[in-house]
Amino acid sequence: MAKSDIKGLSDQELQSKIAEEKATYSKMLLNHAISPVENPAQIREQRRNVARMLTEVNSRKKASK
């Protein structure tokens, strides 16, 4: 998910998207522990997407102060 896409989301949408992405990331890690994923770079990309969204949430909180 691109940074411009993340900035376009409302606070409510962003929180729900974070929860969804975290669940997907956890599921990917569990599946990878059982049997290797074909493309392990997907796990890294998922983790980075979550981090991008959390960064946007934190920057919005700082901006509102």
N, C-alpha and C. Protein backbone atom coordinates (compact mmCIF):
# COMPACT_ATOMS: atom_id res chain seq x y z
N MET A 1 0.85 -1.17 0.00
CA MET A 1 0.00 0.00 0.00
C MET A 1 0.90 1.24 0.00
N ALA A 2 0.65 2.13 -0.92
CA ALA A 2 1.48 3.31 -1.07
C ALA A 2 1.15 4.35 -0.01
N LYS A 3 2.12 5.20 0.25
CA LYS A 3 1.95 6.24 1.27
C LYS A 3 0.80 7.18 0.91
N SER A 4 0.64 7.47 -0.37
CA SER A 4 -0.45 8.35 -0.81
C SER A 4 -1.81 7.71 -0.55
N ASP A 5 -1.90 6.39 -0.68
CA ASP A 5 -3.14 5.68 -0.39
C ASP A 5 -3.46 5.76 1.10
N ILE A 6 -2.44 5.63 1.91
CA ILE A 6 -2.63 5.66 3.37
C ILE A 6 -3.08 7.04 3.81
N LYS A 7 -2.49 8.08 3.25
CA LYS A 7 -2.86 9.45 3.62
C LYS A 7 -4.30 9.76 3.24
N GLY A 8 -4.83 9.09 2.24
CA GLY A 8 -6.20 9.34 1.79
C GLY A 8 -7.26 8.70 2.67
N LEU A 9 -6.86 7.82 3.58
CA LEU A 9 -7.82 7.15 4.44
C LEU A 9 -8.20 8.03 5.63
N SER A 10 -9.43 7.89 6.08
CA SER A 10 -9.85 8.60 7.29
C SER A 10 -9.28 7.87 8.50
N ASP A 11 -9.39 8.49 9.67
CA ASP A 11 -8.86 7.87 10.89
C ASP A 11 -9.53 6.53 11.17
N GLN A 12 -10.83 6.48 11.00
CA GLN A 12 -11.59 5.25 11.25
C GLN A 12 -11.16 4.15 10.28
N GLU A 13 -11.08 4.48 9.00
CA GLU A 13 -10.67 3.51 7.99
C GLU A 13 -9.25 3.02 8.24
N LEU A 14 -8.39 3.94 8.66
CA LEU A 14 -7.00 3.60 8.93
C LEU A 14 -6.89 2.60 10.08
N GLN A 15 -7.64 2.81 11.14
CA GLN A 15 -7.61 1.90 12.27
C GLN A 15 -8.11 0.51 11.88
N SER A 16 -9.17 0.44 11.10
CA SER A 16 -9.69 -0.85 10.68
C SER A 16 -8.72 -1.55 9.72
N LYS A 17 -8.07 -0.77 8.87
CA LYS A 17 -7.10 -1.33 7.93
C LYS A 17 -5.88 -1.87 8.68
N ILE A 18 -5.45 -1.18 9.74
CA ILE A 18 -4.33 -1.65 10.55
C ILE A 18 -4.67 -2.98 11.19
N ALA A 19 -5.86 -3.08 11.76
CA ALA A 19 -6.27 -4.34 12.40
C ALA A 19 -6.31 -5.48 11.38
N GLU A 20 -6.81 -5.19 10.20
CA GLU A 20 -6.90 -6.18 9.14
C GLU A 20 -5.51 -6.63 8.69
N GLU A 21 -4.60 -5.68 8.50
CA GLU A 21 -3.25 -5.99 8.04
C GLU A 21 -2.47 -6.75 9.10
N LYS A 22 -2.66 -6.40 10.37
CA LYS A 22 -1.98 -7.12 11.45
C LYS A 22 -2.46 -8.57 11.52
N ALA A 23 -3.76 -8.78 11.32
CA ALA A 23 -4.30 -10.15 11.33
C ALA A 23 -3.72 -10.95 10.16
N THR A 24 -3.63 -10.34 9.01
CA THR A 24 -3.06 -11.00 7.85
C THR A 24 -1.59 -11.34 8.08
N TYR A 25 -0.86 -10.41 8.68
CA TYR A 25 0.56 -10.63 8.97
C TYR A 25 0.74 -11.79 9.94
N SER A 26 -0.07 -11.83 10.99
CA SER A 26 0.02 -12.92 11.96
C SER A 26 -0.26 -14.27 11.31
N LYS A 27 -1.26 -14.27 10.45
CA LYS A 27 -1.64 -15.50 9.74
C LYS A 27 -0.51 -15.96 8.82
N MET A 28 0.12 -15.01 8.14
CA MET A 28 1.24 -15.34 7.25
C MET A 28 2.40 -15.93 8.04
N LEU A 29 2.71 -15.35 9.20
CA LEU A 29 3.80 -15.86 10.03
C LEU A 29 3.52 -17.28 10.49
N LEU A 30 2.30 -17.52 10.91
CA LEU A 30 1.92 -18.85 11.37
C LEU A 30 2.01 -19.86 10.23
N ASN A 31 1.50 -19.50 9.07
CA ASN A 31 1.57 -20.39 7.91
C ASN A 31 3.01 -20.65 7.49
N HIS A 32 3.85 -19.63 7.60
CA HIS A 32 5.25 -19.79 7.22
C HIS A 32 5.99 -20.70 8.21
N ALA A 33 5.59 -20.68 9.47
CA ALA A 33 6.22 -21.55 10.47
C ALA A 33 5.88 -23.01 10.21
N ILE A 34 4.68 -23.26 9.71
CA ILE A 34 4.24 -24.62 9.45
C ILE A 34 4.85 -25.15 8.16
N SER A 35 4.67 -24.39 7.10
CA SER A 35 5.27 -24.77 5.82
C SER A 35 5.74 -23.48 5.14
N PRO A 36 6.92 -23.48 4.56
CA PRO A 36 7.48 -22.25 3.99
C PRO A 36 6.58 -21.62 2.92
N VAL A 37 6.49 -20.32 2.97
CA VAL A 37 5.73 -19.56 1.98
C VAL A 37 6.56 -19.50 0.70
N GLU A 38 5.89 -19.50 -0.44
CA GLU A 38 6.62 -19.46 -1.72
C GLU A 38 7.46 -18.19 -1.84
N ASN A 39 6.91 -17.07 -1.39
CA ASN A 39 7.61 -15.80 -1.50
C ASN A 39 7.71 -15.15 -0.11
N PRO A 40 8.78 -15.39 0.61
CA PRO A 40 8.91 -14.84 1.95
C PRO A 40 9.01 -13.31 1.99
N ALA A 41 9.25 -12.69 0.86
CA ALA A 41 9.29 -11.23 0.80
C ALA A 41 7.92 -10.64 1.08
N GLN A 42 6.87 -11.43 0.87
CA GLN A 42 5.51 -10.97 1.17
C GLN A 42 5.36 -10.69 2.66
N ILE A 43 6.00 -11.48 3.49
CA ILE A 43 5.92 -11.29 4.93
C ILE A 43 6.54 -9.94 5.30
N ARG A 44 7.70 -9.67 4.74
CA ARG A 44 8.38 -8.40 5.01
C ARG A 44 7.54 -7.22 4.53
N GLU A 45 6.96 -7.35 3.34
CA GLU A 45 6.13 -6.28 2.79
C GLU A 45 4.90 -6.03 3.66
N GLN A 46 4.31 -7.08 4.18
CA GLN A 46 3.14 -6.96 5.06
C GLN A 46 3.53 -6.21 6.33
N ARG A 47 4.67 -6.57 6.91
CA ARG A 47 5.15 -5.92 8.13
C ARG A 47 5.40 -4.43 7.88
N ARG A 48 5.96 -4.13 6.75
CA ARG A 48 6.26 -2.73 6.41
C ARG A 48 4.99 -1.93 6.15
N ASN A 49 3.97 -2.58 5.58
CA ASN A 49 2.69 -1.89 5.39
C ASN A 49 2.08 -1.49 6.73
N VAL A 50 2.14 -2.40 7.69
CA VAL A 50 1.61 -2.10 9.02
C VAL A 50 2.40 -0.94 9.62
N ALA A 51 3.70 -0.95 9.48
CA ALA A 51 4.54 0.12 10.02
C ALA A 51 4.22 1.46 9.35
N ARG A 52 3.99 1.45 8.06
CA ARG A 52 3.63 2.70 7.36
C ARG A 52 2.34 3.28 7.90
N MET A 53 1.37 2.40 8.14
CA MET A 53 0.08 2.87 8.64
C MET A 53 0.21 3.40 10.07
N LEU A 54 0.97 2.71 10.90
CA LEU A 54 1.17 3.17 12.27
C LEU A 54 1.93 4.50 12.29
N THR A 55 2.85 4.68 11.37
CA THR A 55 3.57 5.94 11.27
C THR A 55 2.61 7.07 10.92
N GLU A 56 1.69 6.81 10.02
CA GLU A 56 0.71 7.83 9.64
C GLU A 56 -0.19 8.18 10.83
N VAL A 57 -0.60 7.19 11.60
CA VAL A 57 -1.43 7.44 12.78
C VAL A 57 -0.66 8.33 13.76
N ASN A 58 0.61 8.00 14.00
CA ASN A 58 1.41 8.79 14.94
C ASN A 58 1.64 10.21 14.44
N SER A 59 1.85 10.37 13.15
CA SER A 59 2.06 11.73 12.62
C SER A 59 0.78 12.55 12.70
N ARG A 60 -0.37 11.91 12.54
CA ARG A 60 -1.65 12.63 12.68
C ARG A 60 -1.87 13.05 14.13
N LYS A 61 -1.49 12.20 15.07
CA LYS A 61 -1.63 12.55 16.49
C LYS A 61 -0.74 13.73 16.83
N LYS A 62 0.49 13.72 16.32
CA LYS A 62 1.41 14.83 16.60
C LYS A 62 0.91 16.13 15.98
N ALA A 63 0.33 16.03 14.79
CA ALA A 63 -0.15 17.22 14.09
C ALA A 63 -1.36 17.83 14.80
N SER A 64 -2.15 17.00 15.46
CA SER A 64 -3.36 17.52 16.12
C SER A 64 -3.07 18.15 17.48
N LYS A 65 -1.86 17.94 17.99
CA LYS A 65 -1.50 18.52 19.29
C LYS A 65 -1.17 19.97 19.20
